[in-house]
Amino acid sequence: MAAAPDPLTPRKSLLFRVLLLLLAASPFLLWEGYTRFFKEPVDLWALTGRRVGANPMASWALADAFSAYRARPGTAGDGKTVNSQGYISTPEIVMPKPAGRTRIVFLGGSSVAGTGRNLGDTETWPWRTVELLRKEMPGMEFDFINGALGGYTSFESFGRLWARIRFLDPDMVILCHGWNEMYYFDRADQMHQWRVLPDGSWSLDRAARATTIYAPLWIDQLLRPSQALSRVRIKLTRALGGEVGRTGDLTADFDHAGLAVWRTNLRQFKALARVLEVDLMVVRQATLIVENLSEGERRRCRYDYHGFDHDAHVAAFAALYDVIDEEIPADQILDLTPLSGKPELFYDHVHPTTAGTAAMARLVADGIRRRLAAAASSEVPGTAEAGEQVAGGREGRSARVTGDGRG
């Protein structure tokens, strides 16, 4: 008769169970180890705005002496590229510029660059604008530079124009700012510290303050110890509109001193355009944010990035437009506000869908085309100074373009 097996002692039973658990967990442990050794670390607490972390722009941007930062050359993903000179969704720029070619520069933030919600190169409204011009004005030759970038305000755009783009021989500048200007609408008295880190330096090595890229979740506390699970959590969660911003309570008004900053910056652009002998057109930016926007649509708008509520944003946009109207001649304004408040044209507060970029390109191309036609016929409305630019221009350059009313 076979002897009965010895029963497991409590100690052996516990050891057996631990071995089974380790065996079951071994795939996860291997995955976790691989992630920690071969992948860039993910700081879930910094990405969800719970503490200051690495600057999220460091993965796609380089520090720049004149515009704070610029895009890293190469592929940006989703059919989006950055050319060798650091301009997003822009074909390689030919230098010297061929004779007879009109070069258009687009300046602005992510809604112009086609980021925030990434759009392919050919889906951005600057690219579509120039394609329309080529189709509808076959007797002229065009190229363009998309000098916009996510997070740019008029400060960064000005630096890029006067220190970089001016040497690429532009003929026309299309300036589109609005939403990003409001980032200083609660700190106008601190503008002497713009793009300055707490230690007095500027770099992309670390963020200036805690920024919320992904909405915090209750489960983060459980996922945070694991790099593998943290990466899965980020991969399965959509970033907050592709922007980085702060969160907090909203006020019922904005700092109106910010409007004086915006006005002065516009005057700087006007003066620089005269010095460079380029034509400046200023866009009244389209936005989803309008007075009677439904509550459902308001949830798509990141008011918290600026720290003031919906009604204050409506007032801020109106005030920005008023400054444009007061500082820029009517024939140099491109009005995109007829598109505002139409949900199908926006992913969120200002970032356009492909339908939105098509509508914007149509309005902008119409405005540019009429200006060019007016210049060609020498029937240029506006000031005598504008007319002199059309007649003269810089040596070796074709007739300057000016004129036309709003698109």
Protein backbone atom coordinates (compact mmCIF):
# COMPACT_ATOMS: atom_id res chain seq x y z
CA MET A 1 0.00 0.00 0.00
CA ALA A 2 1.47 3.37 -1.15
CA ALA A 3 2.29 5.81 1.55
CA ALA A 4 0.13 8.94 1.65
CA PRO A 5 1.99 12.15 0.70
CA ASP A 6 3.04 14.35 3.53
CA PRO A 7 0.61 17.25 3.97
CA LEU A 8 2.09 20.71 3.32
CA THR A 9 3.12 22.50 6.40
CA PRO A 10 1.78 26.07 6.78
CA ARG A 11 5.20 27.40 5.89
CA LYS A 12 5.46 25.33 2.74
CA SER A 13 1.90 26.25 1.78
CA LEU A 14 2.68 29.96 2.07
CA LEU A 15 5.87 29.56 0.01
CA PHE A 16 3.94 27.67 -2.66
CA ARG A 17 1.35 30.43 -2.90
CA VAL A 18 4.04 33.10 -3.15
CA LEU A 19 5.71 31.17 -5.99
CA LEU A 20 2.38 30.91 -7.82
CA LEU A 21 1.82 34.63 -7.46
CA LEU A 22 5.32 35.41 -8.72
CA LEU A 23 4.78 33.06 -11.67
CA ALA A 24 1.48 34.76 -12.51
CA ALA A 25 3.00 38.21 -12.11
CA SER A 26 6.18 37.48 -14.05
CA PRO A 27 4.87 38.83 -17.41
CA PHE A 28 3.91 42.10 -15.72
CA LEU A 29 7.23 42.28 -13.87
CA LEU A 30 9.11 41.72 -17.13
CA TRP A 31 6.98 44.42 -18.80
CA GLU A 32 7.61 46.81 -15.91
CA GLY A 33 11.32 46.13 -15.97
CA TYR A 34 11.54 46.64 -19.73
CA THR A 35 9.63 49.92 -19.42
CA ARG A 36 11.87 51.24 -16.69
CA PHE A 37 15.11 50.32 -18.46
CA PHE A 38 14.30 51.15 -22.09
CA LYS A 39 11.57 53.84 -22.06
CA GLU A 40 11.60 57.48 -21.07
CA PRO A 41 10.18 57.87 -17.56
CA VAL A 42 6.62 59.16 -17.20
CA ASP A 43 5.91 61.56 -14.35
CA LEU A 44 2.18 61.06 -13.91
CA TRP A 45 1.97 63.66 -11.14
CA ALA A 46 3.56 66.37 -13.31
CA LEU A 47 1.47 65.49 -16.37
CA THR A 48 -1.72 65.83 -14.34
CA GLY A 49 -0.72 69.22 -12.92
CA ARG A 50 -0.11 68.03 -9.36
CA ARG A 51 3.48 69.28 -9.29
CA VAL A 52 6.04 71.12 -11.42
CA GLY A 53 7.87 68.77 -13.75
CA ALA A 54 9.83 68.72 -16.97
CA ASN A 55 8.76 71.17 -19.65
CA PRO A 56 6.49 69.21 -22.01
CA MET A 57 7.68 71.34 -24.94
CA ALA A 58 11.20 69.90 -24.67
CA SER A 59 10.13 66.84 -26.68
CA TRP A 60 9.27 68.88 -29.78
CA ALA A 61 10.90 72.30 -29.37
CA LEU A 62 14.33 73.90 -29.08
CA ALA A 63 15.14 77.08 -27.22
CA ASP A 64 15.50 80.11 -29.47
CA ALA A 65 17.29 83.36 -28.66
CA PHE A 66 14.62 85.59 -30.20
CA SER A 67 11.28 83.73 -30.11
CA ALA A 68 11.75 81.71 -26.89
CA TYR A 69 11.49 78.41 -28.76
CA ARG A 70 11.09 76.87 -32.20
CA ALA A 71 10.07 73.46 -33.50
CA ARG A 72 12.60 70.66 -33.85
CA PRO A 73 13.13 69.83 -37.56
CA GLY A 74 11.72 66.50 -38.67
CA THR A 75 8.42 64.67 -38.62
CA ALA A 76 5.89 65.83 -36.04
CA GLY A 77 3.48 62.89 -36.56
CA ASP A 78 -0.02 62.60 -38.03
CA GLY A 79 1.14 63.71 -41.47
CA LYS A 80 2.76 66.78 -39.95
CA THR A 81 6.32 67.90 -40.59
CA VAL A 82 8.81 70.56 -39.57
CA ASN A 83 11.20 71.65 -42.30
CA SER A 84 14.98 71.90 -41.93
CA GLN A 85 14.72 75.56 -40.90
CA GLY A 86 12.30 74.79 -38.06
CA TYR A 87 9.02 75.94 -39.66
CA ILE A 88 6.03 73.70 -39.11
CA SER A 89 3.82 72.51 -42.01
CA THR A 90 6.01 74.45 -44.44
CA PRO A 91 7.78 73.15 -47.57
CA GLU A 92 11.52 73.70 -47.73
CA ILE A 93 12.21 77.41 -48.29
CA VAL A 94 14.15 78.32 -51.42
CA MET A 95 16.82 80.99 -50.96
CA PRO A 96 17.42 83.31 -52.59
CA LYS A 97 13.76 83.76 -53.38
CA PRO A 98 13.13 83.34 -57.12
CA ALA A 99 12.31 86.54 -58.98
CA GLY A 100 8.61 87.23 -59.36
CA ARG A 101 7.57 84.99 -56.49
CA THR A 102 5.28 86.29 -53.72
CA ARG A 103 6.22 84.91 -50.31
CA ILE A 104 3.51 84.97 -47.62
CA VAL A 105 4.29 84.51 -43.92
CA PHE A 106 1.66 83.32 -41.44
CA LEU A 107 2.21 84.12 -37.76
CA GLY A 108 0.19 82.95 -34.78
CA GLY A 109 -0.27 80.13 -32.30
CA SER A 110 -1.46 76.54 -32.50
CA SER A 111 -4.64 77.33 -34.45
CA VAL A 112 -2.41 78.61 -37.28
CA ALA A 113 0.26 75.94 -36.89
CA GLY A 114 -2.38 73.20 -36.99
CA THR A 115 -1.51 71.81 -33.58
CA GLY A 116 -3.53 71.67 -30.40
CA ARG A 117 -5.43 69.05 -32.36
CA ASN A 118 -2.84 67.95 -34.90
CA LEU A 119 -3.78 68.54 -38.51
CA GLY A 120 -1.75 67.20 -41.42
CA ASP A 121 0.35 69.74 -43.29
CA THR A 122 -2.08 70.08 -46.17
CA GLU A 123 -5.03 70.46 -43.79
CA THR A 124 -3.73 73.62 -42.10
CA TRP A 125 -5.40 76.83 -43.21
CA PRO A 126 -2.17 78.58 -44.30
CA TRP A 127 -1.37 75.67 -46.63
CA ARG A 128 -4.94 75.64 -47.95
CA THR A 129 -4.91 79.42 -48.40
CA VAL A 130 -1.87 79.30 -50.67
CA GLU A 131 -3.27 76.35 -52.62
CA LEU A 132 -6.40 78.42 -53.33
CA LEU A 133 -4.27 81.36 -54.45
CA ARG A 134 -2.27 79.16 -56.81
CA LYS A 135 -5.45 77.73 -58.29
CA GLU A 136 -7.28 81.02 -58.66
CA MET A 137 -4.31 83.20 -59.66
CA PRO A 138 -2.36 80.98 -62.08
CA GLY A 139 -0.47 83.98 -63.44
CA MET A 140 1.33 84.47 -60.11
CA GLU A 141 3.82 82.32 -58.23
CA PHE A 142 3.44 81.83 -54.48
CA ASP A 143 5.21 80.18 -51.64
CA PHE A 144 4.74 80.54 -47.91
CA ILE A 145 6.22 80.16 -44.45
CA ASN A 146 4.12 78.97 -41.53
CA GLY A 147 5.93 80.85 -38.77
CA ALA A 148 3.30 79.96 -36.16
CA LEU A 149 3.80 77.58 -33.26
CA GLY A 150 1.73 76.29 -30.38
CA GLY A 151 1.91 78.66 -27.40
CA TYR A 152 3.21 81.64 -29.37
CA THR A 153 1.87 85.05 -28.45
CA SER A 154 2.53 88.25 -30.35
CA PHE A 155 5.80 88.52 -28.38
CA GLU A 156 7.25 85.31 -29.83
CA SER A 157 5.87 86.02 -33.29
CA PHE A 158 7.47 89.47 -33.31
CA GLY A 159 10.84 88.03 -32.30
CA ARG A 160 10.65 85.40 -35.01
CA LEU A 161 9.71 87.95 -37.67
CA TRP A 162 12.35 90.59 -36.93
CA ALA A 163 15.22 88.22 -36.13
CA ARG A 164 14.61 85.20 -38.38
CA ILE A 165 11.92 85.48 -41.03
CA ARG A 166 12.92 88.92 -42.29
CA PHE A 167 16.04 87.34 -43.79
CA LEU A 168 13.85 84.96 -45.85
CA ASP A 169 12.56 87.89 -47.94
CA PRO A 170 8.82 87.90 -47.16
CA ASP A 171 6.33 90.01 -49.12
CA MET A 172 3.26 89.73 -46.91
CA VAL A 173 2.67 88.89 -43.26
CA ILE A 174 -0.64 87.48 -41.98
CA LEU A 175 -0.82 87.95 -38.20
CA CYS A 176 -3.39 85.90 -36.27
CA HIS A 177 -3.38 86.21 -32.48
CA GLY A 178 -6.11 86.29 -29.85
CA TRP A 179 -6.50 83.31 -27.56
CA ASN A 180 -2.83 83.14 -26.56
CA GLU A 181 -2.72 86.85 -25.79
CA MET A 182 -5.10 86.11 -22.94
CA TYR A 183 -2.39 84.15 -21.14
CA TYR A 184 -1.09 87.51 -19.91
CA PHE A 185 -4.56 88.94 -19.26
CA ASP A 186 -4.28 88.06 -15.59
CA ARG A 187 -0.65 89.10 -15.14
CA ALA A 188 -0.19 92.27 -17.16
CA ASP A 189 1.79 93.80 -14.31
CA GLN A 190 4.33 90.97 -14.54
CA MET A 191 5.20 91.23 -18.23
CA HIS A 192 8.80 92.13 -17.38
CA GLN A 193 9.03 88.49 -16.27
CA TRP A 194 7.52 86.97 -19.44
CA ARG A 195 9.32 83.71 -20.34
CA VAL A 196 11.48 83.98 -17.21
CA LEU A 197 11.82 81.02 -14.83
CA PRO A 198 11.83 81.52 -11.05
CA ASP A 199 15.64 81.45 -10.97
CA GLY A 200 15.84 84.23 -13.59
CA SER A 201 16.84 81.98 -16.48
CA TRP A 202 15.01 80.70 -19.54
CA SER A 203 15.23 77.17 -20.94
CA LEU A 204 13.05 74.22 -21.88
CA ASP A 205 14.63 71.98 -19.26
CA ARG A 206 11.78 72.47 -16.81
CA ALA A 207 8.38 74.09 -16.63
CA ALA A 208 7.85 77.45 -14.95
CA ARG A 209 4.81 76.19 -13.07
CA ALA A 210 2.65 73.11 -12.70
CA THR A 211 0.72 72.52 -15.93
CA THR A 212 -2.19 70.18 -16.52
CA ILE A 213 -1.82 68.18 -19.72
CA TYR A 214 -4.08 65.27 -18.72
CA ALA A 215 -7.08 65.57 -16.44
CA PRO A 216 -6.38 64.05 -13.00
CA LEU A 217 -8.18 60.75 -12.22
CA TRP A 218 -8.80 59.07 -8.88
CA ILE A 219 -7.03 55.93 -10.09
CA ASP A 220 -3.76 57.79 -10.63
CA GLN A 221 -2.79 57.13 -7.02
CA LEU A 222 -2.84 53.40 -7.75
CA LEU A 223 -1.15 53.63 -11.17
CA ARG A 224 1.58 56.07 -10.25
CA PRO A 225 4.07 53.52 -8.75
CA SER A 226 4.14 51.60 -12.04
CA GLN A 227 5.84 53.09 -15.10
CA ALA A 228 4.14 50.53 -17.35
CA LEU A 229 0.65 51.32 -16.07
CA SER A 230 1.37 55.06 -16.08
CA ARG A 231 2.27 54.85 -19.77
CA VAL A 232 -0.91 52.91 -20.54
CA ARG A 233 -2.98 55.48 -18.65
CA ILE A 234 -1.45 58.34 -20.69
CA LYS A 235 -1.83 56.45 -23.97
CA LEU A 236 -5.52 55.78 -23.34
CA THR A 237 -6.31 59.33 -22.21
CA ARG A 238 -6.68 62.31 -24.52
CA ALA A 239 -4.61 65.36 -23.70
CA LEU A 240 -6.59 68.45 -22.79
CA GLY A 241 -6.88 69.98 -26.24
CA GLY A 242 -3.18 69.54 -26.88
CA GLU A 243 -2.45 72.72 -24.92
CA VAL A 244 -0.69 73.02 -21.63
CA GLY A 245 -2.27 75.22 -19.03
CA ARG A 246 -3.10 75.73 -15.42
CA THR A 247 -6.37 74.99 -13.70
CA GLY A 248 -8.17 76.76 -10.89
CA ASP A 249 -11.12 78.95 -9.98
CA LEU A 250 -12.44 81.36 -12.61
CA THR A 251 -12.89 85.07 -12.10
CA ALA A 252 -15.64 87.19 -13.66
CA ASP A 253 -13.28 89.60 -15.41
CA PHE A 254 -9.79 89.89 -16.87
CA ASP A 255 -6.98 92.37 -16.33
CA HIS A 256 -7.79 95.13 -18.82
CA ALA A 257 -4.21 96.36 -18.60
CA GLY A 258 -3.41 93.45 -20.91
CA LEU A 259 -5.13 95.33 -23.72
CA ALA A 260 -2.47 98.05 -23.57
CA VAL A 261 0.18 95.35 -24.01
CA TRP A 262 -1.67 93.98 -27.04
CA ARG A 263 -2.07 97.47 -28.52
CA THR A 264 1.63 98.24 -28.18
CA ASN A 265 2.57 94.91 -29.76
CA LEU A 266 0.32 95.64 -32.75
CA ARG A 267 2.00 99.01 -33.15
CA GLN A 268 5.36 97.27 -33.10
CA PHE A 269 4.25 95.01 -35.93
CA LYS A 270 3.03 97.99 -37.95
CA ALA A 271 6.35 99.77 -37.47
CA LEU A 272 8.37 96.69 -38.36
CA ALA A 273 6.28 96.11 -41.50
CA ARG A 274 7.12 99.64 -42.64
CA VAL A 275 10.82 99.13 -41.95
CA LEU A 276 10.91 95.78 -43.77
CA GLU A 277 8.62 97.08 -46.53
CA VAL A 278 6.26 94.14 -46.19
CA ASP A 279 2.47 94.16 -46.19
CA LEU A 280 0.83 93.40 -42.87
CA MET A 281 -2.66 91.94 -42.57
CA VAL A 282 -4.14 91.25 -39.15
CA VAL A 283 -6.73 88.54 -38.51
CA ARG A 284 -9.66 88.86 -36.17
CA GLN A 285 -9.39 85.32 -34.84
CA ALA A 286 -12.38 83.01 -35.04
CA THR A 287 -13.42 81.22 -31.84
CA LEU A 288 -16.07 78.86 -30.57
CA ILE A 289 -16.57 81.24 -27.64
CA VAL A 290 -19.58 83.48 -28.31
CA GLU A 291 -22.17 85.08 -26.07
CA ASN A 292 -25.00 82.56 -26.35
CA LEU A 293 -22.92 79.38 -26.54
CA SER A 294 -24.73 76.36 -25.10
CA GLU A 295 -23.60 74.81 -21.84
CA GLY A 296 -22.60 71.64 -23.68
CA GLU A 297 -20.32 73.53 -26.04
CA ARG A 298 -18.87 75.59 -23.20
CA ARG A 299 -17.50 72.38 -21.70
CA ARG A 300 -15.19 72.11 -24.71
CA CYS A 301 -13.54 75.45 -23.92
CA ARG A 302 -10.59 75.68 -21.53
CA TYR A 303 -11.45 78.92 -19.76
CA ASP A 304 -9.36 77.76 -16.83
CA TYR A 305 -6.16 78.20 -18.83
CA HIS A 306 -6.65 81.95 -18.52
CA GLY A 307 -8.34 82.02 -15.14
CA PHE A 308 -11.54 83.84 -16.11
CA ASP A 309 -15.01 82.64 -17.07
CA HIS A 310 -17.02 82.42 -20.30
CA ASP A 311 -18.52 85.91 -20.18
CA ALA A 312 -15.12 87.41 -19.44
CA HIS A 313 -13.70 85.58 -22.47
CA VAL A 314 -16.46 86.95 -24.68
CA ALA A 315 -15.61 90.44 -23.43
CA ALA A 316 -11.86 89.85 -23.86
CA PHE A 317 -12.26 88.75 -27.48
CA ALA A 318 -14.45 91.78 -28.20
CA ALA A 319 -11.84 94.07 -26.63
CA LEU A 320 -9.04 92.45 -28.65
CA TYR A 321 -11.04 93.00 -31.84
CA ASP A 322 -11.65 96.63 -30.88
CA VAL A 323 -7.91 97.22 -30.54
CA ILE A 324 -7.34 95.71 -33.98
CA ASP A 325 -10.04 97.93 -35.47
CA GLU A 326 -8.53 101.00 -33.82
CA GLU A 327 -4.91 100.30 -34.75
CA ILE A 328 -5.09 98.57 -38.14
CA PRO A 329 -6.61 100.16 -41.28
CA ALA A 330 -9.78 98.38 -42.38
CA ASP A 331 -8.18 97.30 -45.66
CA GLN A 332 -5.53 95.39 -43.70
CA ILE A 333 -7.94 93.36 -41.54
CA LEU A 334 -9.05 89.81 -42.27
CA ASP A 335 -12.22 89.17 -40.31
CA LEU A 336 -12.77 85.49 -39.51
CA THR A 337 -15.35 86.14 -36.80
CA PRO A 338 -18.30 85.22 -39.08
CA LEU A 339 -17.11 81.65 -38.42
CA SER A 340 -17.18 82.05 -34.62
CA GLY A 341 -19.61 80.03 -32.52
CA LYS A 342 -20.09 77.27 -35.13
CA PRO A 343 -19.38 73.98 -33.31
CA GLU A 344 -18.65 71.98 -36.45
CA LEU A 345 -15.70 74.26 -37.25
CA PHE A 346 -13.87 73.85 -33.92
CA TYR A 347 -12.48 71.04 -31.80
CA ASP A 348 -12.49 73.33 -28.78
CA HIS A 349 -12.14 77.04 -27.99
CA VAL A 350 -10.07 77.99 -31.07
CA HIS A 351 -8.53 74.93 -32.71
CA PRO A 352 -10.22 74.37 -36.09
CA THR A 353 -11.46 71.13 -37.56
CA THR A 354 -10.65 70.38 -41.20
CA ALA A 355 -13.98 72.00 -42.06
CA GLY A 356 -12.87 75.00 -40.04
CA THR A 357 -9.53 75.33 -41.82
CA ALA A 358 -11.28 75.11 -45.19
CA ALA A 359 -13.63 77.95 -44.25
CA MET A 360 -10.77 80.05 -42.84
CA ALA A 361 -8.62 79.50 -45.92
CA ARG A 362 -11.48 80.60 -48.14
CA LEU A 363 -11.88 83.92 -46.32
CA VAL A 364 -8.16 84.61 -46.08
CA ALA A 365 -7.49 83.70 -49.73
CA ASP A 366 -10.32 85.99 -50.85
CA GLY A 367 -8.83 88.88 -48.89
CA ILE A 368 -5.31 88.32 -50.21
CA ARG A 369 -6.54 87.86 -53.78
CA ARG A 370 -8.43 91.15 -53.70
CA ARG A 371 -5.39 92.94 -52.31
CA LEU A 372 -3.20 91.58 -55.06
CA ALA A 373 -5.76 92.48 -57.71
CA ALA A 374 -6.03 96.01 -56.34
CA ALA A 375 -2.25 96.38 -56.32
CA ALA A 376 -1.97 95.11 -59.88
CA SER A 377 -4.52 97.65 -61.09
CA SER A 378 -2.92 100.41 -58.97
CA GLU A 379 -6.36 101.07 -57.47
CA VAL A 380 -5.20 100.55 -53.95
CA PRO A 381 -7.46 101.88 -51.19
CA GLY A 382 -5.86 103.09 -48.00
CA THR A 383 -3.16 105.57 -47.17
CA ALA A 384 -0.75 107.33 -49.52
CA GLU A 385 2.05 105.47 -47.76
CA ALA A 386 0.52 102.16 -48.80
CA GLY A 387 0.26 103.36 -52.37
CA GLU A 388 3.93 104.36 -52.38
CA GLN A 389 4.86 100.85 -51.23
CA VAL A 390 2.90 99.31 -54.10
CA ALA A 391 4.56 101.60 -56.61
CA GLY A 392 8.07 101.14 -55.24
CA GLY A 393 8.98 98.40 -52.85
CA ARG A 394 12.50 97.21 -52.21
CA GLU A 395 14.97 97.09 -55.05
CA GLY A 396 14.60 93.89 -57.05
CA ARG A 397 11.18 93.11 -55.63
CA SER A 398 7.98 93.04 -57.65
CA ALA A 399 5.22 95.58 -56.92
CA ARG A 400 4.16 95.66 -53.29
CA VAL A 401 0.72 94.31 -52.43
CA THR A 402 -1.74 96.29 -50.34
CA GLY A 403 -5.40 97.18 -50.29
CA ASP A 404 -8.81 95.55 -50.02
CA GLY A 405 -11.39 95.42 -47.30
CA ARG A 406 -12.16 92.59 -44.91
CA GLY A 407 -12.50 88.97 -46.00
